[in-house]
N, C-alpha and C. Protein backbone atom coordinates (compact mmCIF):
# COMPACT_ATOMS: atom_id res chain seq x y z
N MET A 1 33.12 21.41 35.25
CA MET A 1 34.36 20.65 35.19
C MET A 1 34.03 19.17 35.42
N LEU A 2 34.57 18.31 34.54
CA LEU A 2 34.31 16.89 34.63
C LEU A 2 35.22 16.25 35.67
N ARG A 3 34.68 15.33 36.38
CA ARG A 3 35.46 14.60 37.38
C ARG A 3 35.51 13.12 37.04
N SER A 4 36.50 12.43 37.52
CA SER A 4 36.69 11.02 37.19
C SER A 4 36.52 10.17 38.43
N LYS A 5 36.80 8.87 38.22
CA LYS A 5 36.66 7.92 39.32
C LYS A 5 37.58 8.26 40.48
N ASP A 6 38.75 8.87 40.19
CA ASP A 6 39.70 9.21 41.24
C ASP A 6 39.15 10.27 42.17
N ASP A 7 38.19 11.08 41.70
CA ASP A 7 37.59 12.12 42.55
C ASP A 7 36.47 11.57 43.42
N GLY A 8 36.20 10.27 43.30
CA GLY A 8 35.15 9.66 44.11
C GLY A 8 33.78 9.76 43.49
N VAL A 9 33.69 10.16 42.19
CA VAL A 9 32.41 10.27 41.50
C VAL A 9 32.30 9.13 40.49
N MET A 10 31.24 8.38 40.57
CA MET A 10 31.00 7.27 39.67
C MET A 10 29.78 7.56 38.80
N PRO A 11 29.77 7.05 37.57
CA PRO A 11 28.59 7.24 36.72
C PRO A 11 27.35 6.66 37.39
N ASP A 12 26.24 7.33 37.19
CA ASP A 12 24.97 6.87 37.75
C ASP A 12 23.95 6.77 36.61
N MET A 13 23.86 5.61 36.01
CA MET A 13 23.04 5.40 34.83
C MET A 13 21.69 4.78 35.20
N HIS A 14 20.64 5.24 34.48
CA HIS A 14 19.29 4.69 34.65
C HIS A 14 18.65 4.52 33.27
N LEU A 15 17.91 3.43 33.13
CA LEU A 15 17.10 3.24 31.93
C LEU A 15 15.68 3.72 32.26
N THR A 16 15.27 4.80 31.61
CA THR A 16 14.02 5.46 32.03
C THR A 16 12.81 5.15 31.16
N SER A 17 13.02 4.87 29.88
CA SER A 17 11.86 4.64 29.01
C SER A 17 12.29 3.93 27.74
N ALA A 18 11.28 3.45 27.01
CA ALA A 18 11.52 2.80 25.73
C ALA A 18 10.26 2.95 24.88
N ALA A 19 10.45 2.97 23.57
CA ALA A 19 9.32 3.13 22.67
C ALA A 19 9.69 2.59 21.29
N PRO A 20 8.72 2.01 20.57
CA PRO A 20 8.99 1.58 19.19
C PRO A 20 9.24 2.80 18.31
N LYS A 21 10.13 2.62 17.33
CA LYS A 21 10.54 3.77 16.53
C LYS A 21 11.08 3.29 15.19
N ALA A 22 11.07 4.20 14.21
CA ALA A 22 11.68 3.94 12.90
C ALA A 22 12.84 4.90 12.71
N VAL A 23 14.00 4.37 12.35
CA VAL A 23 15.20 5.17 12.13
C VAL A 23 15.84 4.72 10.82
N ALA A 24 15.98 5.65 9.89
CA ALA A 24 16.66 5.39 8.61
C ALA A 24 16.08 4.17 7.90
N GLY A 25 14.75 4.05 7.92
CA GLY A 25 14.09 2.95 7.24
C GLY A 25 14.07 1.64 8.00
N SER A 26 14.59 1.61 9.22
CA SER A 26 14.61 0.39 10.04
C SER A 26 13.63 0.53 11.20
N THR A 27 13.00 -0.57 11.58
CA THR A 27 12.11 -0.59 12.73
C THR A 27 12.85 -1.16 13.94
N GLY A 28 12.44 -0.72 15.12
CA GLY A 28 13.08 -1.21 16.33
C GLY A 28 12.55 -0.51 17.56
N ILE A 29 13.32 -0.55 18.62
CA ILE A 29 12.93 0.08 19.89
C ILE A 29 14.05 1.02 20.34
N ALA A 30 13.65 2.24 20.70
CA ALA A 30 14.61 3.23 21.18
C ALA A 30 14.55 3.24 22.71
N TYR A 31 15.71 3.05 23.34
CA TYR A 31 15.81 3.02 24.81
C TYR A 31 16.47 4.32 25.27
N THR A 32 15.85 4.92 26.27
CA THR A 32 16.36 6.18 26.81
C THR A 32 16.98 5.93 28.19
N MET A 33 18.26 6.27 28.32
CA MET A 33 18.98 6.15 29.59
C MET A 33 19.54 7.52 29.95
N ASP A 34 19.76 7.74 31.23
CA ASP A 34 20.37 9.01 31.62
C ASP A 34 21.52 8.77 32.61
N ASN A 35 22.46 9.68 32.53
CA ASN A 35 23.59 9.69 33.45
C ASN A 35 23.44 10.90 34.36
N THR A 36 23.05 10.67 35.60
CA THR A 36 22.79 11.78 36.51
C THR A 36 24.03 12.25 37.26
N ALA A 37 25.17 11.61 37.01
CA ALA A 37 26.42 12.00 37.69
C ALA A 37 27.20 12.98 36.82
N PRO A 38 27.97 13.89 37.45
CA PRO A 38 28.76 14.86 36.69
C PRO A 38 30.09 14.26 36.21
N ILE A 39 29.99 13.21 35.44
CA ILE A 39 31.19 12.56 34.94
C ILE A 39 30.94 12.01 33.54
N ASN A 40 31.95 12.15 32.70
CA ASN A 40 31.89 11.65 31.34
C ASN A 40 32.26 10.16 31.33
N ILE A 41 31.56 9.37 30.54
CA ILE A 41 31.83 7.94 30.44
C ILE A 41 32.32 7.67 29.01
N ASN A 42 33.58 7.28 28.87
CA ASN A 42 34.18 7.09 27.56
C ASN A 42 34.31 5.61 27.22
N LYS A 43 34.41 5.37 25.91
CA LYS A 43 34.67 4.03 25.38
C LYS A 43 33.75 2.97 26.02
N VAL A 44 32.48 3.26 25.92
CA VAL A 44 31.47 2.37 26.50
C VAL A 44 31.06 1.33 25.46
N SER A 45 30.96 0.10 25.87
CA SER A 45 30.43 -0.96 25.02
C SER A 45 29.02 -1.32 25.49
N LEU A 46 28.17 -1.60 24.53
CA LEU A 46 26.77 -1.93 24.82
C LEU A 46 26.49 -3.34 24.31
N ARG A 47 25.89 -4.15 25.16
CA ARG A 47 25.45 -5.49 24.79
C ARG A 47 23.96 -5.60 25.13
N ALA A 48 23.17 -5.94 24.14
CA ALA A 48 21.72 -5.98 24.35
C ALA A 48 21.14 -7.28 23.82
N LYS A 49 20.12 -7.76 24.54
CA LYS A 49 19.36 -8.93 24.12
C LYS A 49 17.88 -8.61 24.32
N VAL A 50 17.13 -8.64 23.24
CA VAL A 50 15.71 -8.29 23.29
C VAL A 50 14.91 -9.51 22.84
N VAL A 51 13.98 -9.95 23.69
CA VAL A 51 13.20 -11.16 23.42
C VAL A 51 11.72 -10.81 23.30
N ASN A 52 11.10 -11.31 22.21
CA ASN A 52 9.65 -11.16 22.03
C ASN A 52 9.11 -12.52 21.60
N GLY A 53 8.56 -13.27 22.55
CA GLY A 53 8.08 -14.61 22.25
C GLY A 53 9.23 -15.51 21.82
N SER A 54 9.14 -16.03 20.60
CA SER A 54 10.21 -16.90 20.09
C SER A 54 11.28 -16.12 19.32
N GLN A 55 11.08 -14.82 19.19
CA GLN A 55 12.04 -13.98 18.46
C GLN A 55 13.06 -13.37 19.41
N THR A 56 14.35 -13.55 19.13
CA THR A 56 15.42 -12.99 19.96
C THR A 56 16.34 -12.13 19.10
N THR A 57 16.59 -10.91 19.55
CA THR A 57 17.48 -9.99 18.85
C THR A 57 18.69 -9.69 19.72
N ASN A 58 19.88 -9.96 19.21
CA ASN A 58 21.13 -9.63 19.90
C ASN A 58 21.79 -8.46 19.19
N TYR A 59 22.24 -7.49 19.97
CA TYR A 59 22.82 -6.30 19.38
C TYR A 59 24.02 -5.84 20.21
N ASN A 60 25.11 -5.47 19.51
CA ASN A 60 26.33 -5.00 20.17
C ASN A 60 26.78 -3.69 19.55
N ALA A 61 27.36 -2.83 20.38
CA ALA A 61 27.93 -1.57 19.92
C ALA A 61 29.13 -1.22 20.80
N ASP A 62 30.14 -0.57 20.20
CA ASP A 62 31.36 -0.25 20.94
C ASP A 62 31.73 1.21 20.75
N ASN A 63 32.64 1.66 21.62
CA ASN A 63 33.21 3.00 21.56
C ASN A 63 32.15 4.10 21.65
N LEU A 64 31.20 3.91 22.52
CA LEU A 64 30.18 4.92 22.77
C LEU A 64 30.66 5.89 23.84
N GLN A 65 30.07 7.07 23.84
CA GLN A 65 30.42 8.09 24.83
C GLN A 65 29.16 8.68 25.43
N ILE A 66 29.13 8.78 26.75
CA ILE A 66 27.97 9.31 27.46
C ILE A 66 28.40 10.55 28.23
N ALA A 67 27.74 11.66 27.95
CA ALA A 67 28.10 12.93 28.59
C ALA A 67 27.56 12.98 30.02
N PRO A 68 28.13 13.82 30.87
CA PRO A 68 27.64 13.96 32.26
C PRO A 68 26.29 14.67 32.30
N ASN A 69 25.47 14.29 33.26
CA ASN A 69 24.16 14.92 33.47
C ASN A 69 23.37 15.02 32.15
N SER A 70 23.25 13.91 31.48
CA SER A 70 22.60 13.93 30.16
C SER A 70 21.82 12.65 29.94
N GLN A 71 20.97 12.72 28.90
CA GLN A 71 20.23 11.54 28.48
C GLN A 71 20.99 10.84 27.35
N PHE A 72 20.89 9.54 27.34
CA PHE A 72 21.58 8.72 26.36
C PHE A 72 20.52 7.89 25.65
N ASN A 73 20.26 8.20 24.38
CA ASN A 73 19.24 7.51 23.60
C ASN A 73 19.90 6.52 22.66
N TYR A 74 19.43 5.30 22.70
CA TYR A 74 20.01 4.30 21.81
C TYR A 74 18.92 3.47 21.16
N PHE A 75 19.06 3.32 19.83
CA PHE A 75 18.08 2.60 19.02
C PHE A 75 18.61 1.21 18.70
N ILE A 76 17.79 0.21 19.02
CA ILE A 76 18.14 -1.19 18.73
C ILE A 76 17.21 -1.68 17.62
N PRO A 77 17.73 -1.91 16.44
CA PRO A 77 16.86 -2.35 15.32
C PRO A 77 16.32 -3.76 15.54
N ILE A 78 15.06 -3.96 15.18
CA ILE A 78 14.40 -5.26 15.29
C ILE A 78 13.68 -5.54 13.97
N LYS A 79 14.07 -6.63 13.33
CA LYS A 79 13.43 -6.99 12.08
C LYS A 79 12.03 -7.52 12.34
N LYS A 80 11.13 -7.16 11.43
CA LYS A 80 9.73 -7.61 11.51
C LYS A 80 9.14 -7.30 12.89
N LEU A 81 9.17 -6.03 13.23
CA LEU A 81 8.58 -5.59 14.50
C LEU A 81 7.09 -5.94 14.50
N SER A 82 6.64 -6.56 15.58
CA SER A 82 5.24 -6.97 15.70
C SER A 82 4.74 -6.62 17.10
N ALA A 83 3.43 -6.71 17.26
CA ALA A 83 2.85 -6.42 18.57
C ALA A 83 3.23 -7.51 19.56
N GLY A 84 3.40 -7.09 20.82
CA GLY A 84 3.76 -8.07 21.85
C GLY A 84 4.61 -7.44 22.94
N VAL A 85 5.10 -8.27 23.86
CA VAL A 85 5.93 -7.82 24.98
C VAL A 85 7.40 -8.05 24.62
N TYR A 86 8.20 -6.99 24.70
CA TYR A 86 9.63 -7.07 24.41
C TYR A 86 10.41 -6.94 25.72
N LYS A 87 11.16 -7.98 26.03
CA LYS A 87 11.95 -8.02 27.26
C LYS A 87 13.42 -7.78 26.91
N ALA A 88 13.95 -6.68 27.42
CA ALA A 88 15.32 -6.30 27.08
C ALA A 88 16.26 -6.50 28.27
N HIS A 89 17.47 -6.97 27.95
CA HIS A 89 18.54 -7.06 28.94
C HIS A 89 19.74 -6.33 28.33
N ILE A 90 20.07 -5.17 28.86
CA ILE A 90 21.10 -4.30 28.29
C ILE A 90 22.22 -4.11 29.32
N THR A 91 23.46 -4.25 28.86
CA THR A 91 24.64 -4.07 29.73
C THR A 91 25.57 -3.03 29.13
N LEU A 92 25.97 -2.06 29.95
CA LEU A 92 26.94 -1.04 29.57
C LEU A 92 28.21 -1.23 30.42
N LYS A 93 29.38 -1.12 29.78
CA LYS A 93 30.62 -1.21 30.55
C LYS A 93 31.76 -0.61 29.75
N ASN A 94 32.85 -0.25 30.46
CA ASN A 94 34.07 0.21 29.80
C ASN A 94 35.29 -0.34 30.52
N ASP A 95 36.47 0.02 30.01
CA ASP A 95 37.72 -0.53 30.56
C ASP A 95 38.12 0.11 31.88
N ASN A 96 37.44 1.16 32.32
CA ASN A 96 37.78 1.83 33.57
C ASN A 96 37.05 1.25 34.77
N GLY A 97 36.34 0.16 34.55
CA GLY A 97 35.67 -0.49 35.67
C GLY A 97 34.20 -0.19 35.78
N PHE A 98 33.68 0.64 34.86
CA PHE A 98 32.25 0.94 34.90
C PHE A 98 31.47 -0.21 34.25
N GLU A 99 30.39 -0.61 34.90
CA GLU A 99 29.50 -1.63 34.35
C GLU A 99 28.12 -1.49 34.98
N LYS A 100 27.11 -1.49 34.13
CA LYS A 100 25.73 -1.36 34.61
C LYS A 100 24.81 -2.17 33.70
N SER A 101 23.91 -2.93 34.30
CA SER A 101 22.97 -3.75 33.54
C SER A 101 21.55 -3.31 33.85
N PHE A 102 20.69 -3.44 32.83
CA PHE A 102 19.29 -3.05 32.95
C PHE A 102 18.40 -4.17 32.40
N LYS A 103 17.24 -4.31 33.00
CA LYS A 103 16.17 -5.14 32.46
C LYS A 103 14.94 -4.28 32.31
N TYR A 104 14.39 -4.32 31.11
CA TYR A 104 13.25 -3.43 30.85
C TYR A 104 12.28 -4.13 29.91
N ASN A 105 11.00 -4.12 30.30
CA ASN A 105 9.95 -4.71 29.47
C ASN A 105 9.06 -3.62 28.89
N ILE A 106 8.68 -3.81 27.65
CA ILE A 106 7.80 -2.85 27.00
C ILE A 106 6.76 -3.61 26.18
N THR A 107 5.50 -3.16 26.26
CA THR A 107 4.43 -3.76 25.47
C THR A 107 4.16 -2.89 24.25
N VAL A 108 4.30 -3.48 23.09
CA VAL A 108 4.09 -2.75 21.83
C VAL A 108 2.73 -3.14 21.26
N LYS A 109 1.89 -2.14 20.99
CA LYS A 109 0.56 -2.38 20.45
C LYS A 109 0.59 -2.41 18.92
N LYS A 110 -0.45 -2.98 18.34
CA LYS A 110 -0.52 -3.11 16.89
C LYS A 110 -0.57 -1.74 16.21
N THR A 111 -1.30 -0.80 16.82
CA THR A 111 -1.36 0.54 16.23
C THR A 111 0.03 1.18 16.19
N GLU A 112 0.83 0.94 17.23
CA GLU A 112 2.19 1.47 17.24
C GLU A 112 3.04 0.81 16.16
N VAL A 113 2.85 -0.49 15.97
CA VAL A 113 3.59 -1.19 14.91
C VAL A 113 3.23 -0.62 13.54
N ASP A 114 1.94 -0.37 13.31
CA ASP A 114 1.50 0.20 12.03
C ASP A 114 2.12 1.57 11.80
N ASN A 115 2.13 2.40 12.84
CA ASN A 115 2.71 3.74 12.70
C ASN A 115 4.21 3.67 12.41
N VAL A 116 4.90 2.76 13.09
CA VAL A 116 6.34 2.62 12.87
C VAL A 116 6.62 2.10 11.46
N ASN A 117 5.85 1.14 11.01
CA ASN A 117 6.04 0.61 9.65
C ASN A 117 5.77 1.67 8.60
N ASP A 118 4.75 2.50 8.82
CA ASP A 118 4.46 3.58 7.88
C ASP A 118 5.60 4.60 7.86
N ALA A 119 6.18 4.88 9.01
CA ALA A 119 7.30 5.82 9.06
C ALA A 119 8.55 5.25 8.40
N ALA A 120 8.73 3.94 8.54
CA ALA A 120 9.91 3.30 7.92
C ALA A 120 9.77 3.17 6.42
N ASN A 121 8.52 3.02 5.95
CA ASN A 121 8.26 2.86 4.51
C ASN A 121 7.18 3.84 4.09
N PRO A 122 7.53 5.11 3.96
CA PRO A 122 6.51 6.11 3.59
C PRO A 122 5.94 5.84 2.22
N LYS A 123 4.65 6.08 2.07
CA LYS A 123 3.97 5.85 0.80
C LYS A 123 4.32 6.96 -0.18
N GLN A 124 4.32 6.56 -1.48
CA GLN A 124 4.68 7.50 -2.52
C GLN A 124 3.45 8.02 -3.25
N SER A 125 2.36 8.21 -2.51
CA SER A 125 1.11 8.63 -3.16
C SER A 125 1.24 9.98 -3.82
N THR A 126 1.99 10.92 -3.17
CA THR A 126 2.15 12.25 -3.73
C THR A 126 2.88 12.20 -5.06
N ASN A 127 3.97 11.42 -5.12
CA ASN A 127 4.73 11.30 -6.35
C ASN A 127 3.89 10.64 -7.44
N ASN A 128 3.09 9.65 -7.07
CA ASN A 128 2.25 8.98 -8.06
C ASN A 128 1.24 9.95 -8.66
N ARG A 129 0.66 10.79 -7.82
CA ARG A 129 -0.31 11.77 -8.33
C ARG A 129 0.36 12.75 -9.27
N GLN A 130 1.59 13.16 -8.95
CA GLN A 130 2.30 14.08 -9.83
C GLN A 130 2.55 13.44 -11.19
N TRP A 131 2.96 12.17 -11.19
CA TRP A 131 3.21 11.49 -12.46
C TRP A 131 1.92 11.33 -13.25
N ILE A 132 0.81 11.03 -12.57
CA ILE A 132 -0.47 10.91 -13.27
C ILE A 132 -0.85 12.23 -13.92
N GLY A 133 -0.66 13.34 -13.20
CA GLY A 133 -0.95 14.66 -13.76
C GLY A 133 -0.09 14.96 -14.97
N ILE A 134 1.20 14.60 -14.91
CA ILE A 134 2.10 14.85 -16.04
C ILE A 134 1.67 14.04 -17.26
N ILE A 135 1.32 12.76 -17.04
CA ILE A 135 0.90 11.91 -18.16
C ILE A 135 -0.37 12.44 -18.80
N ILE A 136 -1.34 12.85 -17.99
CA ILE A 136 -2.59 13.40 -18.54
C ILE A 136 -2.31 14.66 -19.34
N GLY A 137 -1.42 15.53 -18.83
CA GLY A 137 -1.06 16.74 -19.55
C GLY A 137 -0.44 16.44 -20.90
N ILE A 138 0.44 15.42 -20.96
CA ILE A 138 1.07 15.05 -22.23
C ILE A 138 0.03 14.54 -23.22
N ILE A 139 -0.91 13.71 -22.73
CA ILE A 139 -1.96 13.18 -23.61
C ILE A 139 -2.81 14.31 -24.19
N VAL A 140 -3.15 15.28 -23.35
CA VAL A 140 -3.95 16.42 -23.81
C VAL A 140 -3.20 17.21 -24.88
N LEU A 141 -1.90 17.45 -24.66
CA LEU A 141 -1.11 18.18 -25.64
C LEU A 141 -1.03 17.44 -26.97
N ILE A 142 -0.87 16.12 -26.92
CA ILE A 142 -0.82 15.34 -28.15
C ILE A 142 -2.16 15.41 -28.89
N ALA A 143 -3.27 15.31 -28.14
CA ALA A 143 -4.59 15.38 -28.76
C ALA A 143 -4.82 16.73 -29.43
N VAL A 144 -4.41 17.80 -28.78
CA VAL A 144 -4.57 19.14 -29.36
C VAL A 144 -3.72 19.28 -30.61
N ALA A 145 -2.49 18.76 -30.57
CA ALA A 145 -1.61 18.85 -31.74
C ALA A 145 -2.18 18.09 -32.92
N VAL A 146 -2.73 16.89 -32.69
CA VAL A 146 -3.34 16.10 -33.77
C VAL A 146 -4.55 16.81 -34.33
N TRP A 147 -5.38 17.38 -33.48
CA TRP A 147 -6.58 18.09 -33.94
C TRP A 147 -6.20 19.28 -34.79
N MET A 148 -5.20 20.05 -34.39
CA MET A 148 -4.76 21.23 -35.17
C MET A 148 -4.21 20.80 -36.52
N TYR A 149 -3.46 19.69 -36.52
CA TYR A 149 -2.90 19.21 -37.79
C TYR A 149 -4.00 18.83 -38.77
N LEU A 150 -4.99 18.09 -38.29
CA LEU A 150 -6.10 17.68 -39.16
C LEU A 150 -6.92 18.88 -39.61
N TYR A 151 -7.12 19.83 -38.72
CA TYR A 151 -7.93 21.01 -39.04
C TYR A 151 -7.28 21.83 -40.15
N TYR A 152 -6.01 22.13 -40.01
CA TYR A 152 -5.32 22.95 -41.00
C TYR A 152 -5.08 22.18 -42.30
N SER A 153 -4.99 20.85 -42.22
CA SER A 153 -4.88 20.07 -43.44
C SER A 153 -6.16 20.19 -44.26
N GLN A 154 -7.32 20.16 -43.62
CA GLN A 154 -8.59 20.33 -44.30
C GLN A 154 -8.72 21.72 -44.91
N ARG A 155 -8.24 22.70 -44.19
CA ARG A 155 -8.30 24.09 -44.70
C ARG A 155 -7.45 24.23 -45.95
N ASN A 156 -6.27 23.64 -45.95
CA ASN A 156 -5.39 23.74 -47.10
C ASN A 156 -5.97 23.02 -48.31
N LYS A 157 -6.64 21.87 -48.09
CA LYS A 157 -7.25 21.15 -49.19
C LYS A 157 -8.39 21.94 -49.81
N GLY A 158 -9.07 22.76 -49.02
CA GLY A 158 -10.19 23.54 -49.54
C GLY A 158 -9.77 24.76 -50.31
N ASN A 159 -8.50 25.13 -50.33
CA ASN A 159 -8.01 26.33 -51.03
C ASN A 159 -7.65 25.98 -52.48
N GLY A 160 -8.63 25.88 -53.38
CA GLY A 160 -8.37 25.60 -54.79
C GLY A 160 -8.88 26.74 -55.63
N PRO A 161 -8.73 26.69 -56.98
CA PRO A 161 -9.22 27.76 -57.87
C PRO A 161 -10.72 27.92 -57.75
N GLY A 162 -11.14 29.14 -57.56
CA GLY A 162 -12.56 29.44 -57.50
C GLY A 162 -13.21 29.07 -56.20
N SER A 163 -12.46 28.52 -55.25
CA SER A 163 -13.06 28.14 -53.97
C SER A 163 -12.64 29.11 -52.91
N GLY A 164 -13.52 29.40 -51.98
CA GLY A 164 -13.19 30.33 -50.92
C GLY A 164 -12.25 29.73 -49.91
N ARG A 165 -11.46 30.59 -49.26
CA ARG A 165 -10.51 30.11 -48.27
C ARG A 165 -11.25 29.53 -47.07
N GLY A 166 -10.91 28.30 -46.78
CA GLY A 166 -11.48 27.70 -45.60
C GLY A 166 -12.84 27.08 -45.82
N LYS A 167 -13.37 27.17 -47.08
CA LYS A 167 -14.69 26.58 -47.32
C LYS A 167 -14.55 25.12 -47.67
N VAL A 168 -15.47 24.35 -47.23
CA VAL A 168 -15.51 22.92 -47.52
C VAL A 168 -16.74 22.63 -48.36
N ASN A 169 -16.51 22.15 -49.59
CA ASN A 169 -17.62 21.85 -50.50
C ASN A 169 -18.12 20.44 -50.24
N LEU A 170 -19.34 20.34 -49.80
CA LEU A 170 -19.92 19.04 -49.51
C LEU A 170 -20.97 18.72 -50.57
N LYS A 171 -20.86 17.58 -51.19
CA LYS A 171 -21.83 17.14 -52.17
C LYS A 171 -22.68 16.03 -51.55
N LEU A 172 -23.91 16.38 -51.29
CA LEU A 172 -24.81 15.42 -50.66
C LEU A 172 -25.76 14.90 -51.72
N PRO A 173 -25.79 13.60 -51.93
CA PRO A 173 -26.60 13.04 -53.03
C PRO A 173 -28.07 13.33 -52.92
N TRP A 174 -28.61 13.33 -51.70
CA TRP A 174 -30.05 13.55 -51.60
C TRP A 174 -30.46 14.99 -51.93
N LEU A 175 -29.49 15.94 -51.65
CA LEU A 175 -29.75 17.32 -52.03
C LEU A 175 -29.75 17.48 -53.55
N ASN A 176 -28.84 16.81 -54.21
CA ASN A 176 -28.76 16.89 -55.67
C ASN A 176 -30.02 16.31 -56.31
N ASN A 177 -30.46 15.17 -55.79
CA ASN A 177 -31.69 14.57 -56.33
C ASN A 177 -32.89 15.47 -56.15
N SER A 178 -32.94 16.14 -54.98
CA SER A 178 -34.06 17.05 -54.71
C SER A 178 -34.05 18.21 -55.68
N ASN A 179 -32.87 18.78 -55.94
CA ASN A 179 -32.76 19.92 -56.86
C ASN A 179 -33.12 19.50 -58.29
N ASN A 180 -32.67 18.29 -58.68
CA ASN A 180 -32.97 17.82 -60.03
C ASN A 180 -34.45 17.63 -60.23
N SER A 181 -35.12 17.05 -59.21
CA SER A 181 -36.57 16.84 -59.34
C SER A 181 -37.32 18.16 -59.40
N LYS A 182 -36.81 19.13 -58.65
CA LYS A 182 -37.45 20.45 -58.66
C LYS A 182 -37.29 21.10 -60.02
N ASP A 183 -36.09 20.96 -60.59
CA ASP A 183 -35.85 21.57 -61.90
C ASP A 183 -36.72 20.92 -62.97
N SER A 184 -36.88 19.55 -62.85
CA SER A 184 -37.70 18.86 -63.84
C SER A 184 -39.16 19.28 -63.73
N LYS A 185 -39.64 19.47 -62.50
CA LYS A 185 -41.02 19.93 -62.32
C LYS A 185 -41.20 21.31 -62.92
N ASP A 186 -40.19 22.17 -62.66
CA ASP A 186 -40.30 23.53 -63.19
C ASP A 186 -40.32 23.50 -64.72
N SER A 187 -39.52 22.64 -65.26
CA SER A 187 -39.47 22.59 -66.74
C SER A 187 -40.78 22.05 -67.30
N ARG A 188 -41.34 21.01 -66.62
CA ARG A 188 -42.61 20.48 -67.09
C ARG A 188 -43.72 21.52 -66.98
N GLY A 189 -43.69 22.24 -65.86
CA GLY A 189 -44.71 23.27 -65.68
C GLY A 189 -44.59 24.34 -66.73
N GLY A 190 -43.38 24.69 -67.11
CA GLY A 190 -43.18 25.71 -68.13
C GLY A 190 -43.64 25.25 -69.48
N ASN A 191 -43.39 23.98 -69.82
CA ASN A 191 -43.83 23.45 -71.11
C ASN A 191 -45.35 23.43 -71.20
N THR A 192 -46.00 23.07 -70.08
CA THR A 192 -47.47 23.03 -70.07
C THR A 192 -48.05 24.41 -70.30
N ARG A 193 -47.46 25.41 -69.62
CA ARG A 193 -47.96 26.76 -69.80
C ARG A 193 -47.74 27.26 -71.21
N SER A 194 -46.66 26.85 -71.77
CA SER A 194 -46.36 27.28 -73.15
C SER A 194 -47.35 26.69 -74.13
N SER A 195 -47.68 25.36 -73.91
CA SER A 195 -48.61 24.73 -74.83
C SER A 195 -50.00 25.33 -74.70
N ARG A 196 -50.44 25.63 -73.54
CA ARG A 196 -51.73 26.27 -73.32
C ARG A 196 -51.77 27.64 -73.99
N HIS A 197 -50.67 28.35 -73.92
CA HIS A 197 -50.62 29.68 -74.46
C HIS A 197 -50.75 29.63 -75.98
N LYS A 198 -50.19 28.59 -76.55
CA LYS A 198 -50.26 28.44 -77.98
C LYS A 198 -51.66 28.18 -78.42
N LYS A 199 -52.42 27.40 -77.66
CA LYS A 199 -53.80 27.12 -78.00
C LYS A 199 -54.63 28.40 -77.95
């Protein structure tokens, strides 16, 4: 059963931790607070100021609700998150008289920044590989189709009267010259034998 301020129970809020994080493509710092009292906190407004060197981020949020005996996680987006010390001043309050302020420092390392940036902007290497595979497959199919077209075109051209199906008649000039010279030698040899026989 929830109790209110009239029962003598007041919210007991603590800021326990913070860490760099990526949410919905944005980089920033997630702050974890808890309410250890058995009371619900309604219509809470949050005012935050986060300083990193010369960079200052101001963030406001309204109409928040914090459940009793629970953790309250809130993400504050920070553009161009970089390595360094982030000093936060966060204030929570509502119209019922609740107000609590926190100061919290966190050191963000470069490796953490790289991990957060990678999470905010995931690489599309898998999709690129899939597209490369598809393109290569299309090229192979086109090459096979062209080869089949040329092959069957040659077969059809070779199908004429007196020619065998699928045969390609090649006329090589050096073969013809060789055959002609052989025939001439044979004819000369035959004439010589004939003349000798006559003698």
